[in-house]
């Protein structure tokens, strides 16, 4: 049979577990906030998006210009 732990020890264990859970939740929140930051993600792809938009505009302009020339 196991001996029951004193209530003080149980309270300390519960406090430590609450602190670990609180820290884990805060870390999860900051990670999610960082990953969902649209401005930061957009900065990483601005040159690629500009290049694609430029090529697309060039192709569309060339196609429309070709329609008006014989």
PDB file of N, CA and C in Angstrom:
ATOM      1  N   UNK A   1       0.841  -1.165   0.000  1.00  0.00           N
ATOM      2  CA  UNK A   1       0.000   0.000   0.000  1.00  0.00           C
ATOM      3  C   UNK A   1       0.890   1.233   0.000  1.00  0.00           C
ATOM      4  N   UNK A   2       0.480   2.243  -0.739  1.00  0.00           N
ATOM      5  CA  UNK A   2       1.284   3.458  -0.830  1.00  0.00           C
ATOM      6  C   UNK A   2       0.957   4.387   0.315  1.00  0.00           C
ATOM      7  N   UNK A   3       1.960   5.127   0.700  1.00  0.00           N
ATOM      8  CA  UNK A   3       1.728   6.096   1.764  1.00  0.00           C
ATOM      9  C   UNK A   3       1.276   7.405   1.126  1.00  0.00           C
ATOM     10  N   UNK A   4       0.267   8.021   1.654  1.00  0.00           N
ATOM     11  CA  UNK A   4      -0.221   9.271   1.072  1.00  0.00           C
ATOM     12  C   UNK A   4       0.813  10.383   1.254  1.00  0.00           C
ATOM     13  N   UNK A   5       0.910  11.219   0.230  1.00  0.00           N
ATOM     14  CA  UNK A   5       1.821  12.349   0.307  1.00  0.00           C
ATOM     15  C   UNK A   5       1.195  13.453   1.146  1.00  0.00           C
ATOM     16  N   UNK A   6       2.011  14.193   1.849  1.00  0.00           N
ATOM     17  CA  UNK A   6       1.463  15.318   2.621  1.00  0.00           C
ATOM     18  C   UNK A   6       0.833  16.340   1.676  1.00  0.00           C
ATOM     19  N   UNK A   7      -0.144  17.031   2.155  1.00  0.00           N
ATOM     20  CA  UNK A   7      -0.873  17.994   1.322  1.00  0.00           C
ATOM     21  C   UNK A   7       0.038  19.130   0.838  1.00  0.00           C
ATOM     22  N   UNK A   8       1.040  19.476   1.618  1.00  0.00           N
ATOM     23  CA  UNK A   8       1.973  20.529   1.191  1.00  0.00           C
ATOM     24  C   UNK A   8       2.718  20.106  -0.070  1.00  0.00           C
ATOM     25  N   UNK A   9       3.152  18.849  -0.106  1.00  0.00           N
ATOM     26  CA  UNK A   9       3.855  18.346  -1.286  1.00  0.00           C
ATOM     27  C   UNK A   9       2.926  18.318  -2.504  1.00  0.00           C
ATOM     28  N   UNK A  10       1.705  17.924  -2.292  1.00  0.00           N
ATOM     29  CA  UNK A  10       0.744  17.892  -3.388  1.00  0.00           C
ATOM     30  C   UNK A  10       0.464  19.296  -3.915  1.00  0.00           C
ATOM     31  N   UNK A  11       0.373  20.254  -3.018  1.00  0.00           N
ATOM     32  CA  UNK A  11       0.139  21.632  -3.436  1.00  0.00           C
ATOM     33  C   UNK A  11       1.329  22.176  -4.232  1.00  0.00           C
ATOM     34  N   UNK A  12       2.534  21.850  -3.824  1.00  0.00           N
ATOM     35  CA  UNK A  12       3.721  22.277  -4.558  1.00  0.00           C
ATOM     36  C   UNK A  12       3.759  21.641  -5.951  1.00  0.00           C
ATOM     37  N   UNK A  13       3.407  20.368  -6.032  1.00  0.00           N
ATOM     38  CA  UNK A  13       3.378  19.687  -7.332  1.00  0.00           C
ATOM     39  C   UNK A  13       2.335  20.322  -8.245  1.00  0.00           C
ATOM     40  N   UNK A  14       1.174  20.626  -7.690  1.00  0.00           N
ATOM     41  CA  UNK A  14       0.114  21.256  -8.478  1.00  0.00           C
ATOM     42  C   UNK A  14       0.547  22.640  -8.950  1.00  0.00           C
ATOM     43  N   UNK A  15       1.222  23.388  -8.096  1.00  0.00           N
ATOM     44  CA  UNK A  15       1.691  24.714  -8.475  1.00  0.00           C
ATOM     45  C   UNK A  15       2.730  24.625  -9.598  1.00  0.00           C
ATOM     46  N   UNK A  16       3.629  23.675  -9.490  1.00  0.00           N
ATOM     47  CA  UNK A  16       4.636  23.481 -10.540  1.00  0.00           C
ATOM     48  C   UNK A  16       3.986  23.080 -11.862  1.00  0.00           C
ATOM     49  N   UNK A  17       3.001  22.211 -11.796  1.00  0.00           N
ATOM     50  CA  UNK A  17       2.308  21.798 -13.023  1.00  0.00           C
ATOM     51  C   UNK A  17       1.555  22.967 -13.647  1.00  0.00           C
ATOM     52  N   UNK A  18       0.900  23.775 -12.830  1.00  0.00           N
ATOM     53  CA  UNK A  18       0.197  24.956 -13.349  1.00  0.00           C
ATOM     54  C   UNK A  18       1.170  25.916 -14.017  1.00  0.00           C
ATOM     55  N   UNK A  19       2.332  26.119 -13.407  1.00  0.00           N
ATOM     56  CA  UNK A  19       3.335  27.006 -13.977  1.00  0.00           C
ATOM     57  C   UNK A  19       3.842  26.469 -15.315  1.00  0.00           C
ATOM     58  N   UNK A  20       4.086  25.167 -15.392  1.00  0.00           N
ATOM     59  CA  UNK A  20       4.546  24.573 -16.656  1.00  0.00           C
ATOM     60  C   UNK A  20       3.474  24.690 -17.736  1.00  0.00           C
ATOM     61  N   UNK A  21       2.224  24.457 -17.387  1.00  0.00           N
ATOM     62  CA  UNK A  21       1.132  24.584 -18.354  1.00  0.00           C
ATOM     63  C   UNK A  21       1.012  26.037 -18.812  1.00  0.00           C
ATOM     64  N   UNK A  22       1.101  26.956 -17.882  1.00  0.00           N
ATOM     65  CA  UNK A  22       1.009  28.382 -18.220  1.00  0.00           C
ATOM     66  C   UNK A  22       2.145  28.776 -19.169  1.00  0.00           C
ATOM     67  N   UNK A  23       3.357  28.326 -18.876  1.00  0.00           N
ATOM     68  CA  UNK A  23       4.498  28.628 -19.749  1.00  0.00           C
ATOM     69  C   UNK A  23       4.322  28.003 -21.130  1.00  0.00           C
ATOM     70  N   UNK A  24       3.801  26.782 -21.173  1.00  0.00           N
ATOM     71  CA  UNK A  24       3.575  26.113 -22.462  1.00  0.00           C
ATOM     72  C   UNK A  24       2.537  26.858 -23.294  1.00  0.00           C
ATOM     73  N   UNK A  25       1.472  27.315 -22.658  1.00  0.00           N
ATOM     74  CA  UNK A  25       0.433  28.052 -23.370  1.00  0.00           C
ATOM     75  C   UNK A  25       0.979  29.375 -23.888  1.00  0.00           C
ATOM     76  N   UNK A  26       1.766  30.057 -23.086  1.00  0.00           N
ATOM     77  CA  UNK A  26       2.362  31.328 -23.533  1.00  0.00           C
ATOM     78  C   UNK A  26       3.308  31.105 -24.708  1.00  0.00           C
ATOM     79  N   UNK A  27       4.089  30.049 -24.655  1.00  0.00           N
ATOM     80  CA  UNK A  27       4.997  29.736 -25.755  1.00  0.00           C
ATOM     81  C   UNK A  27       4.209  29.399 -27.019  1.00  0.00           C
ATOM     82  N   UNK A  28       3.137  28.632 -26.880  1.00  0.00           N
ATOM     83  CA  UNK A  28       2.288  28.291 -28.023  1.00  0.00           C
ATOM     84  C   UNK A  28       1.659  29.533 -28.625  1.00  0.00           C
ATOM     85  N   UNK A  29       1.180  30.440 -27.785  1.00  0.00           N
ATOM     86  CA  UNK A  29       0.578  31.683 -28.279  1.00  0.00           C
ATOM     87  C   UNK A  29       1.578  32.505 -29.074  1.00  0.00           C
ATOM     88  N   UNK A  30       2.788  32.638 -28.547  1.00  0.00           N
ATOM     89  CA  UNK A  30       3.781  33.447 -29.248  1.00  0.00           C
ATOM     90  C   UNK A  30       4.196  32.782 -30.560  1.00  0.00           C
ATOM     91  N   UNK A  31       4.282  31.467 -30.580  1.00  0.00           N
ATOM     92  CA  UNK A  31       4.629  30.759 -31.813  1.00  0.00           C
ATOM     93  C   UNK A  31       3.538  30.925 -32.861  1.00  0.00           C
ATOM     94  N   UNK A  32       2.298  30.784 -32.464  1.00  0.00           N
ATOM     95  CA  UNK A  32       1.175  30.938 -33.398  1.00  0.00           C
ATOM     96  C   UNK A  32       1.104  32.370 -33.900  1.00  0.00           C
ATOM     97  N   UNK A  33       1.290  33.333 -33.018  1.00  0.00           N
ATOM     98  CA  UNK A  33       1.258  34.750 -33.407  1.00  0.00           C
ATOM     99  C   UNK A  33       2.364  35.043 -34.429  1.00  0.00           C
ATOM    100  N   UNK A  34       3.544  34.460 -34.211  1.00  0.00           N
ATOM    101  CA  UNK A  34       4.663  34.679 -35.128  1.00  0.00           C
ATOM    102  C   UNK A  34       4.403  34.019 -36.481  1.00  0.00           C
ATOM    103  N   UNK A  35       3.861  32.823 -36.475  1.00  0.00           N
ATOM    104  CA  UNK A  35       3.610  32.106 -37.733  1.00  0.00           C
ATOM    105  C   UNK A  35       2.476  32.728 -38.537  1.00  0.00           C
ATOM    106  N   UNK A  36       1.525  33.358 -37.879  1.00  0.00           N
ATOM    107  CA  UNK A  36       0.386  33.954 -38.570  1.00  0.00           C
ATOM    108  C   UNK A  36       0.597  35.430 -38.885  1.00  0.00           C
ATOM    109  N   UNK A  37       1.800  35.935 -38.700  1.00  0.00           N
ATOM    110  CA  UNK A  37       2.112  37.319 -38.996  1.00  0.00           C
ATOM    111  C   UNK A  37       2.188  37.500 -40.511  1.00  0.00           C
ATOM    112  N   UNK A  38       1.159  38.108 -41.086  1.00  0.00           N
ATOM    113  CA  UNK A  38       1.043  38.233 -42.539  1.00  0.00           C
ATOM    114  C   UNK A  38       2.108  39.168 -43.089  1.00  0.00           C
ATOM    115  N   UNK A  39       2.388  40.254 -42.409  1.00  0.00           N
ATOM    116  CA  UNK A  39       3.378  41.215 -42.898  1.00  0.00           C
ATOM    117  C   UNK A  39       4.760  40.585 -42.988  1.00  0.00           C
ATOM    118  N   UNK A  40       5.130  39.807 -41.996  1.00  0.00           N
ATOM    119  CA  UNK A  40       6.433  39.159 -42.003  1.00  0.00           C
ATOM    120  C   UNK A  40       6.518  38.130 -43.123  1.00  0.00           C
ATOM    121  N   UNK A  41       5.449  37.390 -43.339  1.00  0.00           N
ATOM    122  CA  UNK A  41       5.431  36.397 -44.412  1.00  0.00           C
ATOM    123  C   UNK A  41       5.464  37.075 -45.781  1.00  0.00           C
ATOM    124  N   UNK A  42       4.769  38.190 -45.913  1.00  0.00           N
ATOM    125  CA  UNK A  42       4.731  38.903 -47.196  1.00  0.00           C
ATOM    126  C   UNK A  42       6.095  39.483 -47.543  1.00  0.00           C
ATOM    127  N   UNK A  43       6.826  39.956 -46.544  1.00  0.00           N
ATOM    128  CA  UNK A  43       8.160  40.496 -46.805  1.00  0.00           C
ATOM    129  C   UNK A  43       9.093  39.455 -47.389  1.00  0.00           C
ATOM    130  N   UNK A  44       8.907  38.212 -47.017  1.00  0.00           N
ATOM    131  CA  UNK A  44       9.765  37.145 -47.515  1.00  0.00           C
ATOM    132  C   UNK A  44       9.528  36.829 -48.974  1.00  0.00           C
ATOM    133  N   UNK A  45       8.357  37.138 -49.490  1.00  0.00           N
ATOM    134  CA  UNK A  45       8.014  36.767 -50.858  1.00  0.00           C
ATOM    135  C   UNK A  45       7.752  37.969 -51.763  1.00  0.00           C
ATOM    136  N   UNK A  46       8.080  39.176 -51.332  1.00  0.00           N
ATOM    137  CA  UNK A  46       7.742  40.367 -52.102  1.00  0.00           C
ATOM    138  C   UNK A  46       8.480  40.390 -53.440  1.00  0.00           C
ATOM    139  N   UNK A  47       9.745  40.000 -53.480  1.00  0.00           N
ATOM    140  CA  UNK A  47      10.485  40.023 -54.739  1.00  0.00           C
ATOM    141  C   UNK A  47       9.971  38.969 -55.707  1.00  0.00           C
ATOM    142  N   UNK A  48       9.639  37.806 -55.197  1.00  0.00           N
ATOM    143  CA  UNK A  48       9.099  36.756 -56.066  1.00  0.00           C
ATOM    144  C   UNK A  48       7.745  37.166 -56.635  1.00  0.00           C
ATOM    145  N   UNK A  49       6.902  37.717 -55.777  1.00  0.00           N
ATOM    146  CA  UNK A  49       5.582  38.148 -56.227  1.00  0.00           C
ATOM    147  C   UNK A  49       5.701  39.280 -57.244  1.00  0.00           C
ATOM    148  N   UNK A  50       6.636  40.193 -57.039  1.00  0.00           N
ATOM    149  CA  UNK A  50       6.841  41.286 -57.986  1.00  0.00           C
ATOM    150  C   UNK A  50       7.318  40.753 -59.329  1.00  0.00           C
ATOM    151  N   UNK A  51       8.212  39.776 -59.297  1.00  0.00           N
ATOM    152  CA  UNK A  51       8.711  39.199 -60.544  1.00  0.00           C
ATOM    153  C   UNK A  51       7.598  38.485 -61.309  1.00  0.00           C
ATOM    154  N   UNK A  52       6.785  37.741 -60.607  1.00  0.00           N
ATOM    155  CA  UNK A  52       5.675  37.036 -61.252  1.00  0.00           C
ATOM    156  C   UNK A  52       4.674  38.031 -61.819  1.00  0.00           C
ATOM    157  N   UNK A  53       4.351  39.072 -61.061  1.00  0.00           N
ATOM    158  CA  UNK A  53       3.414  40.085 -61.544  1.00  0.00           C
ATOM    159  C   UNK A  53       3.982  40.811 -62.756  1.00  0.00           C
ATOM    160  N   UNK A  54       5.265  41.102 -62.750  1.00  0.00           N
ATOM    161  CA  UNK A  54       5.895  41.761 -63.889  1.00  0.00           C
ATOM    162  C   UNK A  54       5.875  40.893 -65.136  1.00  0.00           C
ATOM    163  N   UNK A  55       6.201  39.611 -64.976  1.00  0.00           N
ATOM    164  CA  UNK A  55       6.156  38.696 -66.123  1.00  0.00           C
ATOM    165  C   UNK A  55       4.734  38.533 -66.655  1.00  0.00           C
ATOM    166  N   UNK A  56       3.791  38.437 -65.753  1.00  0.00           N
ATOM    167  CA  UNK A  56       2.396  38.318 -66.174  1.00  0.00           C
ATOM    168  C   UNK A  56       1.953  39.571 -66.926  1.00  0.00           C
ATOM    169  N   UNK A  57       2.303  40.741 -66.441  1.00  0.00           N
ATOM    170  CA  UNK A  57       1.945  41.989 -67.117  1.00  0.00           C
ATOM    171  C   UNK A  57       2.618  42.073 -68.484  1.00  0.00           C
ATOM    172  N   UNK A  58       3.868  41.633 -68.574  1.00  0.00           N
ATOM    173  CA  UNK A  58       4.578  41.630 -69.847  1.00  0.00           C
ATOM    174  C   UNK A  58       3.895  40.702 -70.854  1.00  0.00           C
ATOM    175  N   UNK A  59       3.499  39.523 -70.395  1.00  0.00           N
ATOM    176  CA  UNK A  59       2.826  38.568 -71.289  1.00  0.00           C
ATOM    177  C   UNK A  59       1.469  39.092 -71.750  1.00  0.00           C
ATOM    178  N   UNK A  60       0.700  39.655 -70.839  1.00  0.00           N
ATOM    179  CA  UNK A  60      -0.609  40.192 -71.194  1.00  0.00           C
ATOM    180  C   UNK A  60      -0.447  41.381 -72.140  1.00  0.00           C
ATOM    181  N   UNK A  61       0.508  42.259 -71.866  1.00  0.00           N
ATOM    182  CA  UNK A  61       0.755  43.400 -72.747  1.00  0.00           C
ATOM    183  C   UNK A  61       1.209  42.961 -74.124  1.00  0.00           C
ATOM    184  N   UNK A  62       2.051  41.962 -74.190  1.00  0.00           N
ATOM    185  CA  UNK A  62       2.510  41.449 -75.478  1.00  0.00           C
ATOM    186  C   UNK A  62       1.345  40.827 -76.245  1.00  0.00           C
ATOM    187  N   UNK A  63       0.484  40.105 -75.536  1.00  0.00           N
ATOM    188  CA  UNK A  63      -0.689  39.485 -76.183  1.00  0.00           C
ATOM    189  C   UNK A  63      -1.666  40.523 -76.690  1.00  0.00           C
ATOM    190  N   UNK A  64      -1.935  41.537 -75.912  1.00  0.00           N
ATOM    191  CA  UNK A  64      -2.861  42.583 -76.351  1.00  0.00           C
ATOM    192  C   UNK A  64      -2.249  43.396 -77.480  1.00  0.00           C
ATOM    193  N   UNK A  65      -0.961  43.675 -77.390  1.00  0.00           N
ATOM    194  CA  UNK A  65      -0.297  44.401 -78.461  1.00  0.00           C
ATOM    195  C   UNK A  65      -0.272  43.596 -79.747  1.00  0.00           C
ATOM    196  N   UNK A  66      -0.137  42.319 -79.659  1.00  0.00           N
ATOM    197  CA  UNK A  66      -0.150  41.461 -80.841  1.00  0.00           C
ATOM    198  C   UNK A  66      -1.510  41.402 -81.493  1.00  0.00           C
ATOM    199  N   UNK A  67      -2.563  41.607 -80.730  1.00  0.00           N
ATOM    200  CA  UNK A  67      -3.922  41.570 -81.295  1.00  0.00           C
ATOM    201  C   UNK A  67      -4.187  42.781 -82.171  1.00  0.00           C
ATOM    202  N   UNK A  68      -3.501  43.912 -81.910  1.00  0.00           N
ATOM    203  CA  UNK A  68      -3.736  45.121 -82.681  1.00  0.00           C
ATOM    204  C   UNK A  68      -2.792  45.268 -83.860  1.00  0.00           C
ATOM    205  N   UNK A  69      -1.779  44.467 -83.920  1.00  0.00           N
ATOM    206  CA  UNK A  69      -0.879  44.497 -85.088  1.00  0.00           C
ATOM    207  C   UNK A  69      -1.221  43.327 -85.976  1.00  0.00           C
ATOM    208  N   UNK A  70      -0.960  43.498 -87.211  1.00  0.00           N
ATOM    209  CA  UNK A  70      -1.333  42.441 -88.143  1.00  0.00           C
ATOM    210  C   UNK A  70      -0.366  41.368 -88.138  1.00  0.00           C
TER     211      UNK A  70
END
